């Protein structure tokens, strides 16, 4: 589960999976995701593929064979993993999925005539080793008078003494970091909800809401 469908988050999600796999396949498939590209790859996605030495294939409309392969995998996760489970948070969802995958991959697959866990070494032998691409969100802003920076609809506080100065903001799937002249001046846990604020540089402090749009998702269930 990812915090958004923005290009940096989609690329960050792919990179985290490739790191777990310890290998890069020759081709990655995507179906109608604007953050990756429709008709042509976005520039960040093309750069991501170039660094890794892989191809990102955008599926064409009315391509039932390729789309069916993607949908069958989605259906497998919905029916075998998600059904009947409850999730306290997106992080709990990802933790439960990480714990379940080794169990699922140890089961015999009739279509593959083997256990996926027994075939992974053969796959890795045909793949490239992963090289870290650029996947984080980056921007430079002048810190306003309310000493908050906005990243993906959420606000994160910065040391008030930096008001009026240019600060560098980076965000990955887990952390939002603000720095000035190479020195980190604020670090926050990434908020996965929308229209909230993290105050005082404390990781995970959601003490300030922005109007009636502020929401905290207290529970997840499937």
Protein backbone atom coordinates (compact mmCIF):
# COMPACT_ATOMS: atom_id res chain seq x y z
CA UNK A 1 0.00 0.00 0.00
CA UNK A 2 1.28 3.45 -0.98
CA UNK A 3 0.38 6.91 0.36
CA UNK A 4 -0.66 8.23 -3.08
CA UNK A 5 -0.68 7.59 -6.84
CA UNK A 6 1.81 10.39 -7.47
CA UNK A 7 4.81 9.60 -9.65
CA UNK A 8 7.40 9.68 -6.80
CA UNK A 9 5.30 7.33 -4.65
CA UNK A 10 4.67 4.87 -7.50
CA UNK A 11 8.37 4.81 -8.37
CA UNK A 12 9.28 4.51 -4.69
CA UNK A 13 6.92 1.57 -4.35
CA UNK A 14 8.44 -0.18 -7.36
CA UNK A 15 11.94 0.44 -6.04
CA UNK A 16 11.09 -1.02 -2.62
CA UNK A 17 9.77 -4.19 -4.29
CA UNK A 18 12.85 -4.51 -6.51
CA UNK A 19 15.06 -4.13 -3.45
CA UNK A 20 13.14 -6.94 -1.74
CA UNK A 21 13.50 -9.11 -4.85
CA UNK A 22 17.23 -8.25 -5.10
CA UNK A 23 16.88 -8.26 -8.89
CA UNK A 24 15.47 -6.25 -11.80
CA UNK A 25 13.32 -7.99 -14.45
CA UNK A 26 13.62 -7.17 -18.13
CA UNK A 27 10.14 -5.66 -18.24
CA UNK A 28 7.61 -4.03 -15.90
CA UNK A 29 3.93 -3.77 -16.88
CA UNK A 30 1.65 -0.82 -16.12
CA UNK A 31 -2.00 -0.33 -17.07
CA UNK A 32 -3.38 3.22 -17.45
CA UNK A 33 -1.66 4.93 -14.52
CA UNK A 34 -1.10 8.62 -15.15
CA UNK A 35 1.79 8.77 -12.68
CA UNK A 36 3.71 6.32 -14.89
CA UNK A 37 2.36 7.39 -18.25
CA UNK A 38 -0.48 7.05 -20.72
CA UNK A 39 0.71 6.66 -24.30
CA UNK A 40 4.24 7.62 -23.26
CA UNK A 41 6.21 7.36 -20.04
CA UNK A 42 6.53 10.37 -17.78
CA UNK A 43 10.06 11.74 -17.68
CA UNK A 44 10.73 10.46 -14.11
CA UNK A 45 9.45 6.98 -15.05
CA UNK A 46 11.63 6.91 -18.18
CA UNK A 47 14.66 7.96 -16.12
CA UNK A 48 13.81 5.30 -13.49
CA UNK A 49 13.71 2.58 -16.16
CA UNK A 50 16.91 3.84 -17.78
CA UNK A 51 18.92 3.70 -14.56
CA UNK A 52 17.67 0.19 -13.79
CA UNK A 53 18.16 -1.04 -17.36
CA UNK A 54 14.59 -2.29 -17.66
CA UNK A 55 11.57 -1.58 -19.87
CA UNK A 56 8.34 -0.16 -18.52
CA UNK A 57 5.63 -1.38 -20.89
CA UNK A 58 2.40 0.61 -20.94
CA UNK A 59 -0.46 -1.76 -21.80
CA UNK A 60 -2.61 -0.78 -24.73
CA UNK A 61 -6.36 -0.46 -24.57
CA UNK A 62 -8.25 -3.69 -25.29
CA UNK A 63 -5.29 -5.97 -24.58
CA UNK A 64 -7.10 -8.78 -22.72
CA UNK A 65 -4.11 -11.11 -22.45
CA UNK A 66 -1.82 -8.65 -20.66
CA UNK A 67 -4.60 -6.98 -18.67
CA UNK A 68 -5.93 -10.39 -17.64
CA UNK A 69 -2.56 -11.31 -16.18
CA UNK A 70 -2.53 -8.14 -14.06
CA UNK A 71 -6.15 -8.55 -12.95
CA UNK A 72 -5.67 -12.22 -12.03
CA UNK A 73 -2.85 -11.23 -9.71
CA UNK A 74 -4.99 -8.46 -8.15
CA UNK A 75 -7.84 -10.94 -7.67
CA UNK A 76 -5.45 -13.43 -6.06
CA UNK A 77 -4.42 -10.85 -3.44
CA UNK A 78 -8.02 -9.76 -2.78
CA UNK A 79 -9.28 -13.31 -2.29
CA UNK A 80 -6.31 -15.02 -0.62
CA UNK A 81 -4.81 -12.19 1.46
CA UNK A 82 -7.32 -9.40 2.08
CA UNK A 83 -10.52 -11.35 2.63
CA UNK A 84 -11.49 -11.51 6.31
CA UNK A 85 -8.54 -9.46 7.57
CA UNK A 86 -8.58 -6.21 9.52
CA UNK A 87 -5.90 -3.54 9.32
CA UNK A 88 -5.13 -0.89 11.93
CA UNK A 89 -3.28 1.34 9.48
CA UNK A 90 -1.58 1.28 6.06
CA UNK A 91 1.65 0.29 7.81
CA UNK A 92 -0.17 -2.64 9.45
CA UNK A 93 -1.48 -3.65 6.01
CA UNK A 94 2.06 -3.72 4.61
CA UNK A 95 3.39 -5.59 7.65
CA UNK A 96 0.69 -8.27 7.36
CA UNK A 97 1.36 -8.58 3.63
CA UNK A 98 5.11 -8.99 4.24
CA UNK A 99 4.38 -11.77 6.76
CA UNK A 100 1.90 -13.53 4.44
CA UNK A 101 3.94 -13.52 1.21
CA UNK A 102 6.54 -16.15 2.33
CA UNK A 103 3.64 -18.46 3.27
CA UNK A 104 1.89 -17.93 -0.08
CA UNK A 105 5.11 -18.41 -2.05
CA UNK A 106 5.81 -21.70 -0.25
CA UNK A 107 2.62 -23.26 -1.64
CA UNK A 108 2.77 -25.47 -4.72
CA UNK A 109 1.60 -23.70 -7.89
CA UNK A 110 -0.10 -25.97 -10.42
CA UNK A 111 0.55 -23.57 -13.31
CA UNK A 112 4.27 -23.37 -12.46
CA UNK A 113 4.51 -27.00 -11.31
CA UNK A 114 6.63 -25.92 -8.36
CA UNK A 115 6.67 -23.61 -5.37
CA UNK A 116 7.42 -19.96 -6.25
CA UNK A 117 9.99 -19.86 -3.43
CA UNK A 118 11.88 -22.65 -5.21
CA UNK A 119 11.89 -20.83 -8.56
CA UNK A 120 13.07 -17.39 -7.44
CA UNK A 121 16.77 -18.27 -7.67
CA UNK A 122 16.29 -19.26 -11.32
CA UNK A 123 14.58 -15.94 -11.99
CA UNK A 124 17.28 -13.92 -10.22
CA UNK A 125 19.98 -15.65 -12.29
CA UNK A 126 18.39 -14.13 -15.43
CA UNK A 127 17.92 -10.64 -13.99
CA UNK A 128 20.13 -7.63 -13.36
CA UNK A 129 21.25 -6.49 -9.93
CA UNK A 130 19.32 -3.36 -8.80
CA UNK A 131 21.03 0.05 -8.99
CA UNK A 132 19.42 2.77 -6.88
CA UNK A 133 17.39 5.23 -9.04
CA UNK A 134 15.99 8.60 -7.99
CA UNK A 135 12.51 8.07 -6.51
CA UNK A 136 12.05 10.75 -3.85
CA UNK A 137 9.95 13.90 -4.16
CA UNK A 138 12.12 17.04 -4.14
CA UNK A 139 11.35 20.73 -4.11
CA UNK A 140 12.85 24.01 -2.90
CA UNK A 141 10.57 26.64 -1.36
CA UNK A 142 10.86 29.85 0.61
CA UNK A 143 9.53 29.13 4.10
CA UNK A 144 6.35 31.21 4.63
CA UNK A 145 5.39 33.10 7.78
CA UNK A 146 3.37 30.18 9.20
CA UNK A 147 6.62 28.09 9.00
CA UNK A 148 4.93 25.07 7.38
CA UNK A 149 5.80 23.38 4.08
CA UNK A 150 3.18 21.49 2.09
CA UNK A 151 3.87 18.04 0.64
CA UNK A 152 1.07 16.07 -1.07
CA UNK A 153 -1.76 18.12 0.58
CA UNK A 154 -0.28 17.85 4.11
CA UNK A 155 1.63 20.52 6.09
CA UNK A 156 4.87 19.92 8.02
CA UNK A 157 6.36 22.39 10.50
CA UNK A 158 9.88 23.82 10.24
CA UNK A 159 12.01 25.76 12.73
CA UNK A 160 10.44 29.30 12.77
CA UNK A 161 13.88 30.95 12.63
CA UNK A 162 14.05 29.78 8.98
CA UNK A 163 11.08 31.94 7.91
CA UNK A 164 11.88 33.73 4.65
CA UNK A 165 14.79 31.43 3.75
CA UNK A 166 14.96 28.86 0.97
CA UNK A 167 14.65 25.30 2.28
CA UNK A 168 15.00 21.98 0.48
CA UNK A 169 12.15 19.51 0.97
CA UNK A 170 12.41 15.79 0.21
CA UNK A 171 9.82 13.07 0.77
CA UNK A 172 9.94 9.31 0.37
CA UNK A 173 7.30 6.76 1.36
CA UNK A 174 8.10 7.06 5.05
CA UNK A 175 9.68 10.44 5.85
CA UNK A 176 9.49 14.15 4.98
CA UNK A 177 12.79 15.96 5.54
CA UNK A 178 13.49 19.69 5.37
CA UNK A 179 17.07 20.98 5.13
CA UNK A 180 18.91 24.27 4.66
CA UNK A 181 22.49 24.51 3.35
CA UNK A 182 22.81 20.75 3.76
CA UNK A 183 21.69 20.76 7.42
CA UNK A 184 18.49 18.90 8.36
CA UNK A 185 16.18 21.31 10.20
CA UNK A 186 12.99 19.21 10.35
CA UNK A 187 12.07 15.54 9.97
CA UNK A 188 8.53 14.19 10.09
CA UNK A 189 6.89 10.84 9.59
CA UNK A 190 5.02 10.93 6.28
CA UNK A 191 1.27 11.43 6.77
CA UNK A 192 -0.76 9.07 4.58
CA UNK A 193 -4.12 10.80 5.12
CA UNK A 194 -4.96 14.15 3.49
CA UNK A 195 -5.24 17.76 4.66
CA UNK A 196 -3.49 17.24 8.01
CA UNK A 197 -0.46 18.84 9.63
CA UNK A 198 2.53 17.56 11.59
CA UNK A 199 3.84 20.08 14.14
CA UNK A 200 7.09 20.85 15.95
CA UNK A 201 9.18 18.40 13.94
CA UNK A 202 7.89 15.50 16.04
CA UNK A 203 7.56 12.32 14.03
CA UNK A 204 3.93 11.32 13.76
CA UNK A 205 2.50 14.32 15.67
CA UNK A 206 -0.82 15.13 13.97
CA UNK A 207 -1.72 17.91 16.36
CA UNK A 208 -2.90 20.57 13.89
CA UNK A 209 -5.81 20.04 11.49
CA UNK A 210 -6.51 22.28 8.53
CA UNK A 211 -10.18 23.13 8.62
CA UNK A 212 -13.01 20.67 8.08
CA UNK A 213 -11.04 18.65 5.56
CA UNK A 214 -8.74 17.16 8.22
CA UNK A 215 -9.25 13.41 8.62
CA UNK A 216 -7.51 10.59 10.43
CA UNK A 217 -8.29 7.04 9.33
CA UNK A 218 -8.63 5.13 12.61
CA UNK A 219 -9.25 1.67 11.20
CA UNK A 220 -9.07 -0.37 8.01
CA UNK A 221 -10.99 -3.56 7.24
CA UNK A 222 -11.62 -5.80 4.27
